[in-house]
PDB file of N, CA and C in Angstrom:
ATOM      1  N   MET A   1      -0.842   0.734  -0.138  1.00  0.00           N
ATOM      2  CA  MET A   1       0.089   0.128  -1.052  1.00  0.00           C
ATOM      3  C   MET A   1      -0.573  -0.943  -1.899  1.00  0.00           C
ATOM      4  N   THR A   2      -1.413  -1.725  -1.289  1.00  0.00           N
ATOM      5  CA  THR A   2      -1.985  -2.840  -2.036  1.00  0.00           C
ATOM      6  C   THR A   2      -2.845  -2.360  -3.192  1.00  0.00           C
ATOM      7  N   GLU A   3      -3.555  -1.267  -3.010  1.00  0.00           N
ATOM      8  CA  GLU A   3      -4.385  -0.743  -4.105  1.00  0.00           C
ATOM      9  C   GLU A   3      -3.516  -0.270  -5.258  1.00  0.00           C
ATOM     10  N   LEU A   4      -2.388   0.358  -4.950  1.00  0.00           N
ATOM     11  CA  LEU A   4      -1.470   0.790  -6.005  1.00  0.00           C
ATOM     12  C   LEU A   4      -0.880  -0.415  -6.727  1.00  0.00           C
ATOM     13  N   ALA A   5      -0.511  -1.443  -5.970  1.00  0.00           N
ATOM     14  CA  ALA A   5       0.044  -2.652  -6.572  1.00  0.00           C
ATOM     15  C   ALA A   5      -0.979  -3.319  -7.483  1.00  0.00           C
ATOM     16  N   LYS A   6      -2.230  -3.343  -7.047  1.00  0.00           N
ATOM     17  CA  LYS A   6      -3.290  -3.951  -7.863  1.00  0.00           C
ATOM     18  C   LYS A   6      -3.491  -3.189  -9.170  1.00  0.00           C
ATOM     19  N   ARG A   7      -3.128  -1.920  -9.185  1.00  0.00           N
ATOM     20  CA  ARG A   7      -3.245  -1.101 -10.400  1.00  0.00           C
ATOM     21  C   ARG A   7      -2.016  -1.209 -11.289  1.00  0.00           C
ATOM     22  N   GLY A   8      -1.063  -2.056 -10.892  1.00  0.00           N
ATOM     23  CA  GLY A   8       0.115  -2.288 -11.712  1.00  0.00           C
ATOM     24  C   GLY A   8       1.287  -1.376 -11.436  1.00  0.00           C
ATOM     25  N   LEU A   9       1.201  -0.564 -10.394  1.00  0.00           N
ATOM     26  CA  LEU A   9       2.313   0.330 -10.060  1.00  0.00           C
ATOM     27  C   LEU A   9       3.336  -0.400  -9.199  1.00  0.00           C
ATOM     28  N   THR A  10       4.591  -0.048  -9.371  1.00  0.00           N
ATOM     29  CA  THR A  10       5.639  -0.627  -8.545  1.00  0.00           C
ATOM     30  C   THR A  10       5.491  -0.088  -7.135  1.00  0.00           C
ATOM     31  N   THR A  11       5.298  -0.987  -6.189  1.00  0.00           N
ATOM     32  CA  THR A  11       5.103  -0.585  -4.796  1.00  0.00           C
ATOM     33  C   THR A  11       5.885  -1.520  -3.888  1.00  0.00           C
ATOM     34  N   ALA A  12       6.114  -1.061  -2.685  1.00  0.00           N
ATOM     35  CA  ALA A  12       6.770  -1.871  -1.660  1.00  0.00           C
ATOM     36  C   ALA A  12       6.434  -1.269  -0.310  1.00  0.00           C
ATOM     37  N   VAL A  13       6.639  -2.053   0.714  1.00  0.00           N
ATOM     38  CA  VAL A  13       6.488  -1.592   2.085  1.00  0.00           C
ATOM     39  C   VAL A  13       7.863  -1.640   2.735  1.00  0.00           C
ATOM     40  N   ILE A  14       8.221  -0.555   3.381  1.00  0.00           N
ATOM     41  CA  ILE A  14       9.493  -0.517   4.099  1.00  0.00           C
ATOM     42  C   ILE A  14       9.206  -0.901   5.546  1.00  0.00           C
ATOM     43  N   CYS A  15       9.890  -1.939   6.018  1.00  0.00           N
ATOM     44  CA  CYS A  15       9.658  -2.370   7.393  1.00  0.00           C
ATOM     45  C   CYS A  15      10.928  -2.970   7.981  1.00  0.00           C
ATOM     46  N   SER A  16      10.918  -3.131   9.286  1.00  0.00           N
ATOM     47  CA  SER A  16      12.045  -3.754   9.976  1.00  0.00           C
ATOM     48  C   SER A  16      11.687  -5.196  10.323  1.00  0.00           C
ATOM     49  N   GLU A  17      12.692  -5.963  10.664  1.00  0.00           N
ATOM     50  CA  GLU A  17      12.556  -7.407  10.855  1.00  0.00           C
ATOM     51  C   GLU A  17      11.402  -7.811  11.789  1.00  0.00           C
ATOM     52  N   PRO A  18      11.188  -7.133  12.927  1.00  0.00           N
ATOM     53  CA  PRO A  18      10.083  -7.554  13.789  1.00  0.00           C
ATOM     54  C   PRO A  18       8.702  -7.439  13.120  1.00  0.00           C
ATOM     55  N   PHE A  19       8.597  -6.661  12.076  1.00  0.00           N
ATOM     56  CA  PHE A  19       7.321  -6.459  11.405  1.00  0.00           C
ATOM     57  C   PHE A  19       7.210  -7.213  10.076  1.00  0.00           C
ATOM     58  N   LYS A  20       8.214  -8.030   9.763  1.00  0.00           N
ATOM     59  CA  LYS A  20       8.229  -8.744   8.487  1.00  0.00           C
ATOM     60  C   LYS A  20       7.026  -9.679   8.343  1.00  0.00           C
ATOM     61  N   ALA A  21       6.772 -10.495   9.331  1.00  0.00           N
ATOM     62  CA  ALA A  21       5.634 -11.427   9.259  1.00  0.00           C
ATOM     63  C   ALA A  21       4.318 -10.668   9.151  1.00  0.00           C
ATOM     64  N   LEU A  22       4.172  -9.598   9.914  1.00  0.00           N
ATOM     65  CA  LEU A  22       2.960  -8.787   9.844  1.00  0.00           C
ATOM     66  C   LEU A  22       2.798  -8.191   8.452  1.00  0.00           C
ATOM     67  N   GLY A  23       3.865  -7.674   7.891  1.00  0.00           N
ATOM     68  CA  GLY A  23       3.804  -7.098   6.549  1.00  0.00           C
ATOM     69  C   GLY A  23       3.388  -8.118   5.510  1.00  0.00           C
ATOM     70  N   LYS A  24       3.960  -9.317   5.582  1.00  0.00           N
ATOM     71  CA  LYS A  24       3.607 -10.377   4.640  1.00  0.00           C
ATOM     72  C   LYS A  24       2.149 -10.805   4.814  1.00  0.00           C
ATOM     73  N   ASN A  25       1.716 -10.942   6.064  1.00  0.00           N
ATOM     74  CA  ASN A  25       0.333 -11.339   6.319  1.00  0.00           C
ATOM     75  C   ASN A  25      -0.651 -10.280   5.832  1.00  0.00           C
ATOM     76  N   GLN A  26      -0.369  -9.026   6.088  1.00  0.00           N
ATOM     77  CA  GLN A  26      -1.261  -7.954   5.653  1.00  0.00           C
ATOM     78  C   GLN A  26      -1.336  -7.877   4.135  1.00  0.00           C
ATOM     79  N   ALA A  27      -0.196  -8.053   3.476  1.00  0.00           N
ATOM     80  CA  ALA A  27      -0.196  -8.049   2.010  1.00  0.00           C
ATOM     81  C   ALA A  27      -1.076  -9.173   1.479  1.00  0.00           C
ATOM     82  N   ARG A  28      -0.969 -10.343   2.079  1.00  0.00           N
ATOM     83  CA  ARG A  28      -1.782 -11.483   1.656  1.00  0.00           C
ATOM     84  C   ARG A  28      -3.264 -11.207   1.897  1.00  0.00           C
ATOM     85  N   VAL A  29      -3.600 -10.706   3.080  1.00  0.00           N
ATOM     86  CA  VAL A  29      -4.994 -10.418   3.430  1.00  0.00           C
ATOM     87  C   VAL A  29      -5.598  -9.408   2.453  1.00  0.00           C
ATOM     88  N   PHE A  30      -4.816  -8.440   2.036  1.00  0.00           N
ATOM     89  CA  PHE A  30      -5.323  -7.402   1.140  1.00  0.00           C
ATOM     90  C   PHE A  30      -5.173  -7.757  -0.338  1.00  0.00           C
ATOM     91  N   GLY A  31      -4.806  -9.002  -0.628  1.00  0.00           N
ATOM     92  CA  GLY A  31      -4.828  -9.488  -2.003  1.00  0.00           C
ATOM     93  C   GLY A  31      -3.575  -9.256  -2.817  1.00  0.00           C
ATOM     94  N   THR A  32      -2.470  -8.922  -2.164  1.00  0.00           N
ATOM     95  CA  THR A  32      -1.200  -8.731  -2.885  1.00  0.00           C
ATOM     96  C   THR A  32      -0.092  -9.507  -2.179  1.00  0.00           C
ATOM     97  N   PRO A  33      -0.170 -10.832  -2.206  1.00  0.00           N
ATOM     98  CA  PRO A  33       0.798 -11.635  -1.450  1.00  0.00           C
ATOM     99  C   PRO A  33       2.247 -11.479  -1.914  1.00  0.00           C
ATOM    100  N   ASP A  34       2.456 -10.988  -3.122  1.00  0.00           N
ATOM    101  CA  ASP A  34       3.815 -10.803  -3.638  1.00  0.00           C
ATOM    102  C   ASP A  34       4.337  -9.387  -3.439  1.00  0.00           C
ATOM    103  N   LEU A  35       3.643  -8.578  -2.657  1.00  0.00           N
ATOM    104  CA  LEU A  35       4.084  -7.206  -2.403  1.00  0.00           C
ATOM    105  C   LEU A  35       5.473  -7.233  -1.774  1.00  0.00           C
ATOM    106  N   PRO A  36       6.443  -6.573  -2.405  1.00  0.00           N
ATOM    107  CA  PRO A  36       7.809  -6.607  -1.855  1.00  0.00           C
ATOM    108  C   PRO A  36       7.920  -5.870  -0.522  1.00  0.00           C
ATOM    109  N   LEU A  37       8.766  -6.403   0.332  1.00  0.00           N
ATOM    110  CA  LEU A  37       9.093  -5.741   1.585  1.00  0.00           C
ATOM    111  C   LEU A  37      10.538  -5.270   1.499  1.00  0.00           C
ATOM    112  N   VAL A  38      10.747  -3.988   1.687  1.00  0.00           N
ATOM    113  CA  VAL A  38      12.089  -3.405   1.738  1.00  0.00           C
ATOM    114  C   VAL A  38      12.482  -3.408   3.208  1.00  0.00           C
ATOM    115  N   MET A  39      13.498  -4.181   3.522  1.00  0.00           N
ATOM    116  CA  MET A  39      13.857  -4.383   4.919  1.00  0.00           C
ATOM    117  C   MET A  39      14.938  -3.391   5.380  1.00  0.00           C
ATOM    118  N   ILE A  40      14.690  -2.816   6.561  1.00  0.00           N
ATOM    119  CA  ILE A  40      15.667  -1.949   7.213  1.00  0.00           C
ATOM    120  C   ILE A  40      15.885  -2.474   8.638  1.00  0.00           C
ATOM    121  N   ALA A  41      16.948  -2.017   9.263  1.00  0.00           N
ATOM    122  CA  ALA A  41      17.251  -2.434  10.634  1.00  0.00           C
ATOM    123  C   ALA A  41      16.225  -1.851  11.602  1.00  0.00           C
ATOM    124  N   HIS A  42      16.013  -2.552  12.682  1.00  0.00           N
ATOM    125  CA  HIS A  42      15.092  -2.130  13.736  1.00  0.00           C
ATOM    126  C   HIS A  42      15.928  -1.574  14.883  1.00  0.00           C
ATOM    127  N   PRO A  43      15.483  -0.588  15.575  1.00  0.00           N
ATOM    128  CA  PRO A  43      14.242   0.165  15.450  1.00  0.00           C
ATOM    129  C   PRO A  43      14.423   1.379  14.545  1.00  0.00           C
ATOM    130  N   LEU A  44      13.326   2.056  14.275  1.00  0.00           N
ATOM    131  CA  LEU A  44      13.391   3.324  13.555  1.00  0.00           C
ATOM    132  C   LEU A  44      13.087   4.477  14.504  1.00  0.00           C
ATOM    133  N   GLY A  45      12.160   4.252  15.410  1.00  0.00           N
ATOM    134  CA  GLY A  45      11.786   5.296  16.375  1.00  0.00           C
ATOM    135  C   GLY A  45      12.915   5.612  17.340  1.00  0.00           C
ATOM    136  N   GLY A  46      13.017   6.869  17.707  1.00  0.00           N
ATOM    137  CA  GLY A  46      13.993   7.295  18.693  1.00  0.00           C
ATOM    138  C   GLY A  46      15.409   7.445  18.174  1.00  0.00           C
ATOM    139  N   LEU A  47      15.576   7.398  16.854  1.00  0.00           N
ATOM    140  CA  LEU A  47      16.908   7.503  16.273  1.00  0.00           C
ATOM    141  C   LEU A  47      17.251   8.954  15.940  1.00  0.00           C
ATOM    142  N   SER A  48      18.530   9.211  15.863  1.00  0.00           N
ATOM    143  CA  SER A  48      18.989  10.526  15.404  1.00  0.00           C
ATOM    144  C   SER A  48      18.771  10.628  13.898  1.00  0.00           C
ATOM    145  N   LEU A  49      18.819  11.818  13.378  1.00  0.00           N
ATOM    146  CA  LEU A  49      18.673  12.028  11.945  1.00  0.00           C
ATOM    147  C   LEU A  49      19.725  11.239  11.167  1.00  0.00           C
ATOM    148  N   GLU A  50      20.935  11.207  11.668  1.00  0.00           N
ATOM    149  CA  GLU A  50      22.002  10.473  10.997  1.00  0.00           C
ATOM    150  C   GLU A  50      21.703   8.971  10.956  1.00  0.00           C
ATOM    151  N   GLN A  51      21.142   8.449  12.018  1.00  0.00           N
ATOM    152  CA  GLN A  51      20.793   7.027  12.046  1.00  0.00           C
ATOM    153  C   GLN A  51      19.641   6.717  11.085  1.00  0.00           C
ATOM    154  N   VAL A  52      18.676   7.607  10.995  1.00  0.00           N
ATOM    155  CA  VAL A  52      17.571   7.427  10.047  1.00  0.00           C
ATOM    156  C   VAL A  52      18.115   7.482   8.622  1.00  0.00           C
ATOM    157  N   GLN A  53      19.036   8.399   8.379  1.00  0.00           N
ATOM    158  CA  GLN A  53      19.655   8.470   7.053  1.00  0.00           C
ATOM    159  C   GLN A  53      20.388   7.176   6.725  1.00  0.00           C
ATOM    160  N   GLY A  54      21.002   6.563   7.720  1.00  0.00           N
ATOM    161  CA  GLY A  54      21.662   5.280   7.520  1.00  0.00           C
ATOM    162  C   GLY A  54      20.667   4.205   7.113  1.00  0.00           C
ATOM    163  N   ARG A  55      19.496   4.207   7.721  1.00  0.00           N
ATOM    164  CA  ARG A  55      18.451   3.249   7.345  1.00  0.00           C
ATOM    165  C   ARG A  55      18.020   3.495   5.898  1.00  0.00           C
ATOM    166  N   ALA A  56      17.897   4.772   5.537  1.00  0.00           N
ATOM    167  CA  ALA A  56      17.493   5.116   4.167  1.00  0.00           C
ATOM    168  C   ALA A  56      18.542   4.644   3.163  1.00  0.00           C
ATOM    169  N   LEU A  57      19.797   4.759   3.512  1.00  0.00           N
ATOM    170  CA  LEU A  57      20.858   4.315   2.599  1.00  0.00           C
ATOM    171  C   LEU A  57      20.802   2.809   2.351  1.00  0.00           C
ATOM    172  N   VAL A  58      20.277   2.063   3.303  1.00  0.00           N
ATOM    173  CA  VAL A  58      20.091   0.622   3.122  1.00  0.00           C
ATOM    174  C   VAL A  58      18.878   0.356   2.232  1.00  0.00           C
ATOM    175  N   ALA A  59      17.834   1.161   2.398  1.00  0.00           N
ATOM    176  CA  ALA A  59      16.594   0.952   1.647  1.00  0.00           C
ATOM    177  C   ALA A  59      16.705   1.385   0.188  1.00  0.00           C
ATOM    178  N   ILE A  60      17.466   2.426  -0.081  1.00  0.00           N
ATOM    179  CA  ILE A  60      17.515   2.986  -1.440  1.00  0.00           C
ATOM    180  C   ILE A  60      17.913   1.961  -2.500  1.00  0.00           C
ATOM    181  N   PRO A  61      18.981   1.183  -2.321  1.00  0.00           N
ATOM    182  CA  PRO A  61      19.322   0.208  -3.364  1.00  0.00           C
ATOM    183  C   PRO A  61      18.221  -0.840  -3.586  1.00  0.00           C
ATOM    184  N   GLN A  62      17.520  -1.198  -2.516  1.00  0.00           N
ATOM    185  CA  GLN A  62      16.425  -2.155  -2.658  1.00  0.00           C
ATOM    186  C   GLN A  62      15.284  -1.560  -3.490  1.00  0.00           C
ATOM    187  N   VAL A  63      14.977  -0.300  -3.239  1.00  0.00           N
ATOM    188  CA  VAL A  63      13.912   0.376  -3.987  1.00  0.00           C
ATOM    189  C   VAL A  63      14.323   0.538  -5.449  1.00  0.00           C
ATOM    190  N   VAL A  64      15.556   0.928  -5.683  1.00  0.00           N
ATOM    191  CA  VAL A  64      16.048   1.083  -7.059  1.00  0.00           C
ATOM    192  C   VAL A  64      15.968  -0.249  -7.798  1.00  0.00           C
ATOM    193  N   ALA A  65      16.359  -1.331  -7.137  1.00  0.00           N
ATOM    194  CA  ALA A  65      16.281  -2.657  -7.769  1.00  0.00           C
ATOM    195  C   ALA A  65      14.848  -3.015  -8.127  1.00  0.00           C
ATOM    196  N   LEU A  66      13.906  -2.682  -7.266  1.00  0.00           N
ATOM    197  CA  LEU A  66      12.492  -2.943  -7.567  1.00  0.00           C
ATOM    198  C   LEU A  66      12.040  -2.151  -8.785  1.00  0.00           C
ATOM    199  N   ILE A  67      12.427  -0.889  -8.832  1.00  0.00           N
ATOM    200  CA  ILE A  67      12.032  -0.045  -9.965  1.00  0.00           C
ATOM    201  C   ILE A  67      12.653  -0.558 -11.259  1.00  0.00           C
ATOM    202  N   LYS A  68      13.925  -0.887 -11.217  1.00  0.00           N
ATOM    203  CA  LYS A  68      14.585  -1.412 -12.409  1.00  0.00           C
ATOM    204  C   LYS A  68      13.971  -2.729 -12.850  1.00  0.00           C
ATOM    205  N   GLY A  69      13.632  -3.583 -11.897  1.00  0.00           N
ATOM    206  CA  GLY A  69      13.003  -4.856 -12.213  1.00  0.00           C
ATOM    207  C   GLY A  69      11.652  -4.682 -12.873  1.00  0.00           C
ATOM    208  N   SER A  70      10.896  -3.673 -12.427  1.00  0.00           N
ATOM    209  CA  SER A  70       9.579  -3.450 -13.029  1.00  0.00           C
ATOM    210  C   SER A  70       9.715  -2.871 -14.427  1.00  0.00           C
ATOM    211  N   GLN A  71      10.777  -2.126 -14.687  1.00  0.00           N
ATOM    212  CA  GLN A  71      10.984  -1.578 -16.027  1.00  0.00           C
ATOM    213  C   GLN A  71      11.344  -2.684 -17.002  1.00  0.00           C
ATOM    214  N   ASN A  72      12.061  -3.685 -16.516  1.00  0.00           N
ATOM    215  CA  ASN A  72      12.434  -4.808 -17.378  1.00  0.00           C
ATOM    216  C   ASN A  72      11.241  -5.665 -17.766  1.00  0.00           C
ATOM    217  N   SER A  73      10.190  -5.658 -16.935  1.00  0.00           N
ATOM    218  CA  SER A  73       9.030  -6.512 -17.209  1.00  0.00           C
ATOM    219  C   SER A  73       7.986  -5.807 -18.070  1.00  0.00           C
ATOM    220  N   VAL A  74       8.215  -4.528 -18.369  1.00  0.00           N
ATOM    221  CA  VAL A  74       7.247  -3.775 -19.192  1.00  0.00           C
ATOM    222  C   VAL A  74       7.528  -3.987 -20.652  1.00  0.00           C
TER     223      VAL A  74
END
C-alpha cells in the first residue's frame, strides 16, 4: 500500500481496532504516515459469510469517502 500511496494513488488499509496502532506505526515506518485506515469491527477470522459481508458494508462508505476526497483534490 505504501508504494501505491507514494505514487499518488488513493490507498488505504482495512483493519480492526486491535491492529490500529500497528497499522499506523507500519505506515509511518514505510514513509506514509498519513495512510488512511479503514476501520472494521474485530474479529474477521472465523466469521460466517454474512458476518464478513456486514464488515464490508461498514468499510464501503469509508472507501467511497476516500475516493471522493481524492477526486476533489485533483
